[in-house]
Amino acid sequence: MAEIPQIINHFTDDDLYKFTMCCAVIDNYPRTMVKYQFNDRDNRIYPDGFAEELRRQIKLLENLRITDEEIRFMQKRCSFIPNWFYSFLKGFRYDSSWVEIEQDEEGHLSIRFEGAWSNTILLEVKVLAIVSELYYIMSGEDRKFDYKEYYDKASVKGKRLIEGGCVFSDFGTRRRASFKAQDIAIKAMTDIASTLEGPGRFIGTSNVYFAMKYDLTPIGTMAHELICAIAGMYGPTMSNHKAMSVWSKTYRGALGTFLYDTYGWRIFSLNFSEDYANMFKGLRVDSGDNYEQLNLIVEKYRSLNIDPCTKQVVFSNGLNVDEALKIQEYAKGKCIPSYGIGTHFTNDFPGVRPMNIVIKLLAVKITESWPFYCETCKLSEDKGKYTGNKKVVDRFREILHL
C-alpha cells in the first residue's frame, strides 16, 4: 500500500468543545494530570499494521500550527473565549509521547493518553477521527464511498429537518467516515439551508475548521470529562454542582448548555439548584430515553417555578433524521428543542458500518506532585455504556445509590 497521506491537516479540524474545555481547564486546573483510554464498543478487529500507521499519523500532528486566519475566525465567532487563550494556542504543539498505542495478535486496538490535562485534552477528537478514517482506508472499505450520492443524501436529510421545523447542527467529527465525507455533508446542509424556506434551521457545526470554511457558527460547550475529572478529584456526589460553578466562573454565563448525564439524572437534579437553573440557558440530553429525559427536565424546571418553554434542550443521543422529527413533535410546548446529529451526517454510506469508538477519562490527579492518580468513571443513563474500571464503577454507584 502506498504511503497514506496525513489525515488531520488543520489545527482547528476539531470540535469547539475541546477548545472551550481546554480554556476552562487552564483557568481552573492548570496543574492537573490525567489518563485517558480508548474503547471500541464493537471490539472491532483492525487491519495488520494499523497501530504502526496510527503512530505515524499521530506523530504528524506535531506539525500542526494554528494559523492567524483560524485565530481571527475564532475571535470573531467565539467572543466568549478570552484572548489569552489564543496566545496559548499559538504556542501549543502536539507531542506523540503523550500517546501509547498497541495492537494485539488478534488485531484489537489499545490507545492511552497520559499527561497534563491542558495538553492531552486536545487529542481526543483528532485521534478518534484518525482512527475512523484510517480504518476505512486500510480495510479498503473507503472504496464504497460514493461522494456524489452522499451530497444528494445529505441534502435530503437537511431538507426534511428544515421542513420539519428542527433547529440542528453537525456533531460528526469524531466518527466520520472521512474528512471529505464531513466536508460534503456540511456543504450540502449549508447549500440547502440557503435555498429552502422552512420553519427549521441549520445553525452550524461543532467542527471549527468547517465552520470557518463555510462561514458557519461553531457549536459546542462542554463534555462529560469535566464532571468525571472533578468526581475523580473530589467525589461524584457534588461533581455536577462544582462543574457548573467552574464553568460559570470561566464563561460568565456564556456557553450555558450543561451536559447533565455523567452520573445520571437523579444526582444531577439534586445538584441543579434554582440559581444554576436560571443561569444556564438549557441542558443537553446525551443518553437514556429522549422522551423520558425531556419529561424529567420539564418537571424539574416547573418545580423551580421556571417555565420550561424558556429553556433550550439539546438532543444529541445517537440521532437520525426520523428520530429528530419525532422528538420535535413531542417537544412542542415543552421546551426550545434543538439537535446535534453526528454519525448519521458524516458516516452513512451503504454497506459501511460506522465506528462505535470513544476515548474516556480514566484517572486524574490534582497536581503533578501527587504520587498517585484517582480513578474515575462515567455512569450515563444508558446502563450498558458505563465506562471505567468495574471496581470504580461499583464504588461510584454505591456512593450515588444507583
Protein backbone atom coordinates (compact mmCIF):
# COMPACT_ATOMS: atom_id res chain seq x y z
CA MET A 1 0.00 0.00 0.00
CA ALA A 2 1.27 3.49 -0.89
CA GLU A 3 2.00 5.84 1.99
CA ILE A 4 -1.22 7.18 3.44
CA PRO A 5 -1.46 10.99 3.35
CA GLN A 6 -1.71 12.97 6.57
CA ILE A 7 -5.32 12.71 7.76
CA ILE A 8 -5.56 15.78 10.04
CA ASN A 9 -4.17 18.83 8.25
CA HIS A 10 -5.71 21.77 10.12
CA PHE A 11 -5.29 22.73 13.77
CA THR A 12 -8.98 23.61 14.07
CA ASP A 13 -10.17 20.39 12.44
CA ASP A 14 -11.57 19.65 15.86
CA ASP A 15 -14.75 20.17 17.85
CA LEU A 16 -15.29 23.51 19.56
CA TYR A 17 -15.91 21.88 22.94
CA LYS A 18 -12.30 20.68 23.12
CA PHE A 19 -11.09 24.28 22.88
CA THR A 20 -13.66 25.64 25.35
CA MET A 21 -12.89 22.80 27.75
CA CYS A 22 -9.15 23.34 27.38
CA CYS A 23 -9.60 27.02 28.25
CA ALA A 24 -11.65 26.14 31.35
CA VAL A 25 -9.05 23.57 32.41
CA ILE A 26 -6.20 26.07 32.22
CA ASP A 27 -8.32 28.63 34.06
CA ASN A 28 -9.25 26.28 36.90
CA TYR A 29 -6.97 23.21 36.93
CA PRO A 30 -3.69 24.28 35.30
CA ARG A 31 -1.54 21.62 37.02
CA THR A 32 -3.93 18.66 36.83
CA MET A 33 -2.67 15.43 35.25
CA VAL A 34 -4.90 12.86 33.57
CA LYS A 35 -5.09 9.48 31.90
CA TYR A 36 -7.45 8.62 29.02
CA GLN A 37 -8.31 5.28 27.46
CA PHE A 38 -9.73 4.28 24.07
CA ASN A 39 -12.70 1.93 23.90
CA ASP A 40 -14.06 0.24 20.78
CA ARG A 41 -17.54 -0.77 21.91
CA ASP A 42 -17.82 -3.19 18.98
CA ASN A 43 -14.49 -4.88 19.80
CA ARG A 44 -13.56 -4.46 16.15
CA ILE A 45 -10.57 -6.20 14.58
CA TYR A 46 -8.21 -3.68 12.94
CA PRO A 47 -6.07 -4.43 9.87
CA ASP A 48 -2.49 -5.64 10.25
CA GLY A 49 -0.10 -2.74 10.78
CA PHE A 50 -2.85 -0.41 11.96
CA ALA A 51 -1.09 0.57 15.19
CA GLU A 52 2.12 1.43 13.35
CA GLU A 53 0.32 3.70 10.87
CA LEU A 54 -1.72 5.27 13.65
CA ARG A 55 1.51 6.13 15.49
CA ARG A 56 2.80 7.78 12.30
CA GLN A 57 -0.40 9.79 11.87
CA ILE A 58 -0.28 10.99 15.48
CA LYS A 59 3.40 11.89 15.03
CA LEU A 60 2.31 14.04 12.07
CA LEU A 61 0.07 16.06 14.42
CA GLU A 62 3.29 17.58 15.75
CA ASN A 63 3.49 19.58 12.51
CA LEU A 64 0.17 21.38 13.12
CA ARG A 65 0.13 25.08 13.95
CA ILE A 66 -2.89 27.29 14.43
CA THR A 67 -3.00 29.95 11.71
CA ASP A 68 -3.74 33.65 12.03
CA GLU A 69 -6.84 33.08 9.90
CA GLU A 70 -8.11 30.43 12.33
CA ILE A 71 -7.48 32.71 15.31
CA ARG A 72 -9.26 35.65 13.66
CA PHE A 73 -12.25 33.46 12.89
CA MET A 74 -12.47 32.14 16.45
CA GLN A 75 -12.11 35.63 17.90
CA LYS A 76 -14.95 36.80 15.67
CA ARG A 77 -17.33 33.88 16.24
CA CYS A 78 -16.30 32.75 19.74
CA SER A 79 -16.20 36.00 21.68
CA PHE A 80 -16.76 34.08 24.93
CA ILE A 81 -13.19 32.68 24.72
CA PRO A 82 -10.72 35.07 26.43
CA ASN A 83 -7.91 36.43 24.27
CA TRP A 84 -5.16 34.96 26.47
CA PHE A 85 -6.22 31.51 25.30
CA TYR A 86 -5.13 32.27 21.73
CA SER A 87 -1.61 33.00 22.99
CA PHE A 88 -1.65 29.51 24.46
CA LEU A 89 -2.88 28.00 21.18
CA LYS A 90 -0.19 29.85 19.20
CA GLY A 91 2.47 28.12 21.24
CA PHE A 92 0.72 24.76 21.50
CA ARG A 93 2.48 21.73 20.00
CA TYR A 94 1.21 18.18 19.96
CA ASP A 95 3.62 15.60 21.37
CA SER A 96 3.24 11.99 20.29
CA SER A 97 4.93 10.85 23.52
CA TRP A 98 1.63 11.56 25.30
CA VAL A 99 0.09 8.65 23.38
CA GLU A 100 0.69 4.90 23.79
CA ILE A 101 -0.71 2.57 21.11
CA GLU A 102 -0.79 -1.23 20.99
CA GLN A 103 -2.41 -3.83 18.75
CA ASP A 104 -2.69 -7.41 19.96
CA GLU A 105 -2.25 -10.57 17.91
CA GLU A 106 -5.97 -10.72 17.14
CA GLY A 107 -5.98 -7.12 15.90
CA HIS A 108 -7.69 -5.36 18.81
CA LEU A 109 -6.56 -1.78 19.37
CA SER A 110 -5.43 -0.16 22.61
CA ILE A 111 -4.79 3.59 22.95
CA ARG A 112 -3.89 5.51 26.11
CA PHE A 113 -3.03 9.15 26.76
CA GLU A 114 -1.23 10.50 29.81
CA GLY A 115 -0.03 13.99 30.61
CA ALA A 116 -1.10 17.47 31.63
CA TRP A 117 -4.85 17.83 31.23
CA SER A 118 -4.39 21.14 29.39
CA ASN A 119 -2.34 19.34 26.72
CA THR A 120 -3.90 15.91 26.35
CA ILE A 121 -7.44 17.31 26.23
CA LEU A 122 -6.78 18.40 22.63
CA LEU A 123 -6.03 14.85 21.45
CA GLU A 124 -9.38 13.07 21.81
CA VAL A 125 -11.37 14.22 18.78
CA LYS A 126 -8.42 14.27 16.41
CA VAL A 127 -7.30 10.77 17.37
CA LEU A 128 -10.84 9.36 17.06
CA ALA A 129 -11.22 10.98 13.62
CA ILE A 130 -7.87 9.49 12.56
CA VAL A 131 -8.80 6.01 13.81
CA SER A 132 -12.12 6.09 11.98
CA GLU A 133 -10.82 7.33 8.62
CA LEU A 134 -7.69 5.19 8.81
CA TYR A 135 -9.71 2.05 9.43
CA TYR A 136 -11.71 2.54 6.22
CA ILE A 137 -8.56 3.28 4.22
CA MET A 138 -6.60 0.27 5.48
CA SER A 139 -9.57 -2.12 5.28
CA GLY A 140 -10.41 -0.95 1.75
CA GLU A 141 -13.94 -0.02 2.73
CA ASP A 142 -13.37 3.54 1.54
CA ARG A 143 -13.88 2.19 -1.99
CA LYS A 144 -17.60 2.02 -1.12
CA PHE A 145 -17.80 5.80 -0.58
CA ASP A 146 -19.86 7.42 -3.36
CA TYR A 147 -19.39 11.10 -2.59
CA LYS A 148 -21.71 12.43 -5.30
CA GLU A 149 -24.53 10.33 -3.96
CA TYR A 150 -23.55 11.40 -0.45
CA TYR A 151 -24.12 15.09 -1.25
CA ASP A 152 -27.61 14.32 -2.51
CA LYS A 153 -28.34 12.13 0.51
CA ALA A 154 -27.22 14.85 2.93
CA SER A 155 -29.30 17.44 1.08
CA VAL A 156 -32.42 15.32 1.57
CA LYS A 157 -31.67 14.99 5.28
CA GLY A 158 -31.27 18.75 5.62
CA LYS A 159 -34.45 19.41 3.66
CA ARG A 160 -36.51 17.08 5.83
CA LEU A 161 -35.20 18.61 9.05
CA ILE A 162 -35.77 22.19 7.90
CA GLU A 163 -39.26 21.44 6.66
CA GLY A 164 -39.96 19.59 9.92
CA GLY A 165 -39.08 22.65 11.99
CA CYS A 166 -35.86 21.28 13.51
CA VAL A 167 -33.01 23.57 14.56
CA PHE A 168 -29.96 21.36 14.05
CA SER A 169 -26.19 21.23 13.73
CA ASP A 170 -23.47 18.78 12.71
CA PHE A 171 -21.71 16.95 15.58
CA GLY A 172 -20.00 14.35 13.41
CA THR A 173 -16.22 14.90 13.59
CA ARG A 174 -15.26 12.09 15.96
CA ARG A 175 -16.62 9.12 14.00
CA ARG A 176 -16.73 10.49 10.47
CA ALA A 177 -16.03 8.19 7.56
CA SER A 178 -13.53 10.72 6.27
CA PHE A 179 -12.69 14.41 6.26
CA LYS A 180 -14.22 14.58 2.79
CA ALA A 181 -17.47 12.95 3.96
CA GLN A 182 -17.91 15.58 6.66
CA ASP A 183 -16.98 18.35 4.24
CA ILE A 184 -19.61 17.19 1.73
CA ALA A 185 -22.30 16.75 4.38
CA ILE A 186 -21.75 20.26 5.76
CA LYS A 187 -21.66 21.79 2.26
CA ALA A 188 -24.93 20.04 1.40
CA MET A 189 -26.58 21.29 4.60
CA THR A 190 -25.29 24.81 4.00
CA ASP A 191 -26.49 24.82 0.39
CA ILE A 192 -29.97 23.52 1.18
CA ALA A 193 -30.35 25.94 4.10
CA SER A 194 -29.52 28.88 1.82
CA THR A 195 -32.21 27.97 -0.72
CA LEU A 196 -35.00 26.47 1.34
CA GLU A 197 -37.60 28.46 3.25
CA GLY A 198 -38.86 26.50 6.21
CA PRO A 199 -39.52 26.63 9.93
CA GLY A 200 -36.28 24.78 10.77
CA ARG A 201 -32.65 25.96 10.52
CA PHE A 202 -29.20 24.51 10.02
CA ILE A 203 -27.26 26.53 12.61
CA GLY A 204 -23.71 25.27 12.27
CA THR A 205 -21.17 22.58 13.06
CA SER A 206 -19.11 21.50 16.04
CA ASN A 207 -16.04 21.43 13.76
CA VAL A 208 -14.25 24.77 13.96
CA TYR A 209 -12.37 24.39 10.68
CA PHE A 210 -15.52 23.62 8.68
CA ALA A 211 -17.36 26.44 10.45
CA MET A 212 -14.62 28.75 9.19
CA LYS A 213 -14.67 27.26 5.67
CA TYR A 214 -18.43 27.70 5.28
CA ASP A 215 -18.85 30.81 7.45
CA LEU A 216 -20.99 28.98 10.00
CA THR A 217 -21.34 29.22 13.75
CA PRO A 218 -19.10 26.79 15.69
CA ILE A 219 -21.38 24.85 18.03
CA GLY A 220 -20.41 23.29 21.36
CA THR A 221 -19.90 23.82 25.04
CA MET A 222 -18.56 21.09 27.30
CA ALA A 223 -18.06 17.32 27.70
CA HIS A 224 -18.51 14.62 30.34
CA GLU A 225 -14.81 14.63 31.09
CA LEU A 226 -15.07 17.85 33.13
CA ILE A 227 -17.52 16.25 35.56
CA CYS A 228 -15.58 12.95 35.50
CA ALA A 229 -12.32 14.68 36.39
CA ILE A 230 -13.91 16.65 39.23
CA ALA A 231 -15.51 13.44 40.52
CA GLY A 232 -12.12 11.75 40.49
CA MET A 233 -10.56 14.59 42.45
CA TYR A 234 -13.38 15.36 44.89
CA GLY A 235 -16.00 12.61 44.59
CA PRO A 236 -19.12 12.24 42.41
CA THR A 237 -21.82 13.49 44.76
CA MET A 238 -21.32 17.21 44.12
CA SER A 239 -19.31 16.97 40.91
CA ASN A 240 -22.09 18.42 38.75
CA HIS A 241 -22.51 21.37 41.10
CA LYS A 242 -18.77 22.06 41.16
CA ALA A 243 -18.60 21.75 37.36
CA MET A 244 -21.39 24.30 36.96
CA SER A 245 -19.52 26.63 39.29
CA VAL A 246 -16.25 26.19 37.39
CA TRP A 247 -17.95 26.71 34.02
CA SER A 248 -19.77 29.86 35.11
CA LYS A 249 -16.55 31.26 36.57
CA THR A 250 -14.73 30.93 33.25
CA TYR A 251 -17.52 31.86 30.84
CA ARG A 252 -19.65 34.28 32.90
CA GLY A 253 -22.97 32.95 31.70
CA ALA A 254 -21.93 32.25 28.09
CA LEU A 255 -21.91 28.68 26.75
CA GLY A 256 -24.81 27.95 29.06
CA THR A 257 -25.88 24.47 27.91
CA PHE A 258 -24.97 21.94 30.58
CA LEU A 259 -24.33 18.26 29.83
CA TYR A 260 -26.01 16.67 32.82
CA ASP A 261 -25.94 12.88 32.40
CA THR A 262 -22.41 11.94 33.54
CA TYR A 263 -23.81 10.26 36.68
CA GLY A 264 -27.45 10.09 35.72
CA TRP A 265 -30.42 12.38 36.18
CA ARG A 266 -31.06 11.80 39.88
CA ILE A 267 -27.82 13.20 41.32
CA PHE A 268 -27.75 16.00 38.75
CA SER A 269 -31.28 17.03 39.66
CA LEU A 270 -30.26 17.23 43.34
CA ASN A 271 -27.35 19.50 42.32
CA PHE A 272 -29.41 21.63 39.91
CA SER A 273 -30.43 24.44 42.23
CA GLU A 274 -32.60 27.40 41.25
CA ASP A 275 -29.66 29.75 40.74
CA TYR A 276 -27.98 27.42 38.22
CA ALA A 277 -31.29 26.53 36.57
CA ASN A 278 -31.82 30.22 35.92
CA MET A 279 -28.20 30.88 34.91
CA PHE A 280 -27.81 28.07 32.38
CA LYS A 281 -29.90 28.51 29.24
CA GLY A 282 -30.56 24.80 28.93
CA LEU A 283 -29.48 21.18 29.13
CA ARG A 284 -28.17 18.56 26.71
CA VAL A 285 -29.68 15.06 26.50
CA ASP A 286 -26.93 12.61 25.51
CA SER A 287 -28.13 9.27 26.88
CA GLY A 288 -31.24 7.45 28.03
CA ASP A 289 -34.70 7.63 26.52
CA ASN A 290 -35.09 11.05 24.91
CA TYR A 291 -38.75 11.36 25.85
CA GLU A 292 -38.32 10.26 29.45
CA GLN A 293 -35.38 12.60 29.87
CA LEU A 294 -37.34 15.53 28.46
CA ASN A 295 -40.19 14.84 30.87
CA LEU A 296 -37.77 14.84 33.80
CA ILE A 297 -36.26 18.13 32.63
CA VAL A 298 -39.67 19.77 32.23
CA GLU A 299 -40.77 18.57 35.66
CA LYS A 300 -37.57 19.89 37.27
CA TYR A 301 -37.90 23.35 35.76
CA ARG A 302 -41.54 23.55 36.82
CA SER A 303 -40.62 22.52 40.37
CA LEU A 304 -38.31 25.56 40.43
CA ASN A 305 -41.07 27.84 39.09
CA ILE A 306 -39.21 28.22 35.78
CA ASP A 307 -41.17 27.99 32.53
CA PRO A 308 -39.50 25.11 30.59
CA CYS A 309 -40.64 26.75 27.35
CA THR A 310 -37.98 29.41 28.02
CA LYS A 311 -35.21 26.78 28.22
CA GLN A 312 -33.26 25.05 25.46
CA VAL A 313 -32.94 21.28 25.40
CA VAL A 314 -30.29 19.96 23.00
CA PHE A 315 -30.76 16.34 21.92
CA SER A 316 -27.59 14.54 20.80
CA ASN A 317 -28.08 10.89 21.71
CA GLY A 318 -27.30 8.94 18.53
CA LEU A 319 -29.89 10.79 16.49
CA ASN A 320 -31.00 10.33 12.91
CA VAL A 321 -33.48 12.44 10.92
CA ASP A 322 -36.51 10.27 11.74
CA GLU A 323 -35.83 10.40 15.49
CA ALA A 324 -35.22 14.16 15.45
CA LEU A 325 -38.54 14.72 13.69
CA LYS A 326 -40.35 12.56 16.26
CA ILE A 327 -38.77 14.42 19.16
CA GLN A 328 -39.66 17.73 17.51
CA GLU A 329 -43.34 16.80 17.57
CA TYR A 330 -43.17 15.56 21.15
CA ALA A 331 -41.25 18.60 22.42
CA LYS A 332 -43.75 21.18 21.13
CA GLY A 333 -44.96 23.29 24.02
CA LYS A 334 -42.44 21.71 26.39
CA CYS A 335 -39.09 23.45 25.68
CA ILE A 336 -36.95 25.03 22.96
CA PRO A 337 -35.60 21.90 21.23
CA SER A 338 -32.51 21.64 19.05
CA TYR A 339 -30.50 18.72 17.69
CA GLY A 340 -26.83 17.80 17.39
CA ILE A 341 -26.53 14.99 14.85
CA GLY A 342 -23.22 13.21 14.39
CA THR A 343 -22.54 9.87 12.73
CA HIS A 344 -25.81 9.94 10.78
CA PHE A 345 -24.49 13.00 8.94
CA THR A 346 -20.83 12.07 8.50
CA ASN A 347 -20.74 8.26 8.25
CA ASP A 348 -23.81 6.95 6.46
CA PHE A 349 -22.65 5.02 3.39
CA PRO A 350 -24.46 1.85 2.21
CA GLY A 351 -22.67 -1.30 3.31
CA VAL A 352 -20.36 0.56 5.71
CA ARG A 353 -20.68 0.04 9.46
CA PRO A 354 -19.92 3.24 11.39
CA MET A 355 -17.32 3.08 14.12
CA ASN A 356 -18.51 2.84 17.72
CA ILE A 357 -15.43 4.27 19.40
CA VAL A 358 -14.85 6.59 22.34
CA ILE A 359 -11.96 7.94 24.40
CA LYS A 360 -12.80 8.47 28.07
CA LEU A 361 -11.04 9.97 31.05
CA LEU A 362 -9.77 7.15 33.25
CA ALA A 363 -7.85 8.78 36.11
CA VAL A 364 -6.85 12.18 37.45
CA LYS A 365 -4.54 13.80 39.98
CA ILE A 366 -4.84 17.40 41.11
CA THR A 367 -1.18 18.29 40.51
CA GLU A 368 1.88 16.64 39.03
CA SER A 369 3.39 16.45 42.55
CA TRP A 370 0.84 13.88 43.74
CA PRO A 371 2.33 10.36 43.87
CA PHE A 372 -0.86 8.65 42.73
CA TYR A 373 -3.85 9.01 40.40
CA CYS A 374 -7.50 8.71 41.46
CA GLU A 375 -9.59 6.68 39.03
CA THR A 376 -12.92 7.95 37.76
CA CYS A 377 -15.73 6.66 35.56
CA LYS A 378 -18.90 7.66 33.67
CA LEU A 379 -22.37 6.37 34.55
CA SER A 380 -24.71 7.63 31.86
CA GLU A 381 -28.44 6.97 31.55
CA ASP A 382 -27.56 4.14 29.13
CA LYS A 383 -26.75 1.39 31.62
CA GLY A 384 -24.73 -0.62 29.13
CA LYS A 385 -22.45 2.35 28.47
CA TYR A 386 -20.86 2.68 31.89
CA THR A 387 -17.18 3.36 31.26
CA GLY A 388 -14.28 2.84 33.62
CA ASN A 389 -12.77 0.19 35.86
CA LYS A 390 -15.54 -2.09 37.20
CA LYS A 391 -14.43 -1.59 40.81
CA VAL A 392 -14.60 2.19 40.35
CA VAL A 393 -18.00 1.93 38.64
CA ASP A 394 -19.31 -0.17 41.53
CA ARG A 395 -17.90 2.24 44.10
CA PHE A 396 -19.41 5.28 42.41
CA ARG A 397 -22.77 3.52 42.06
CA GLU A 398 -22.72 2.75 45.76
CA ILE A 399 -21.89 6.36 46.64
CA LEU A 400 -24.67 7.64 44.37
CA HIS A 401 -27.20 4.97 45.46
CA LEU A 402 -27.63 3.74 41.88
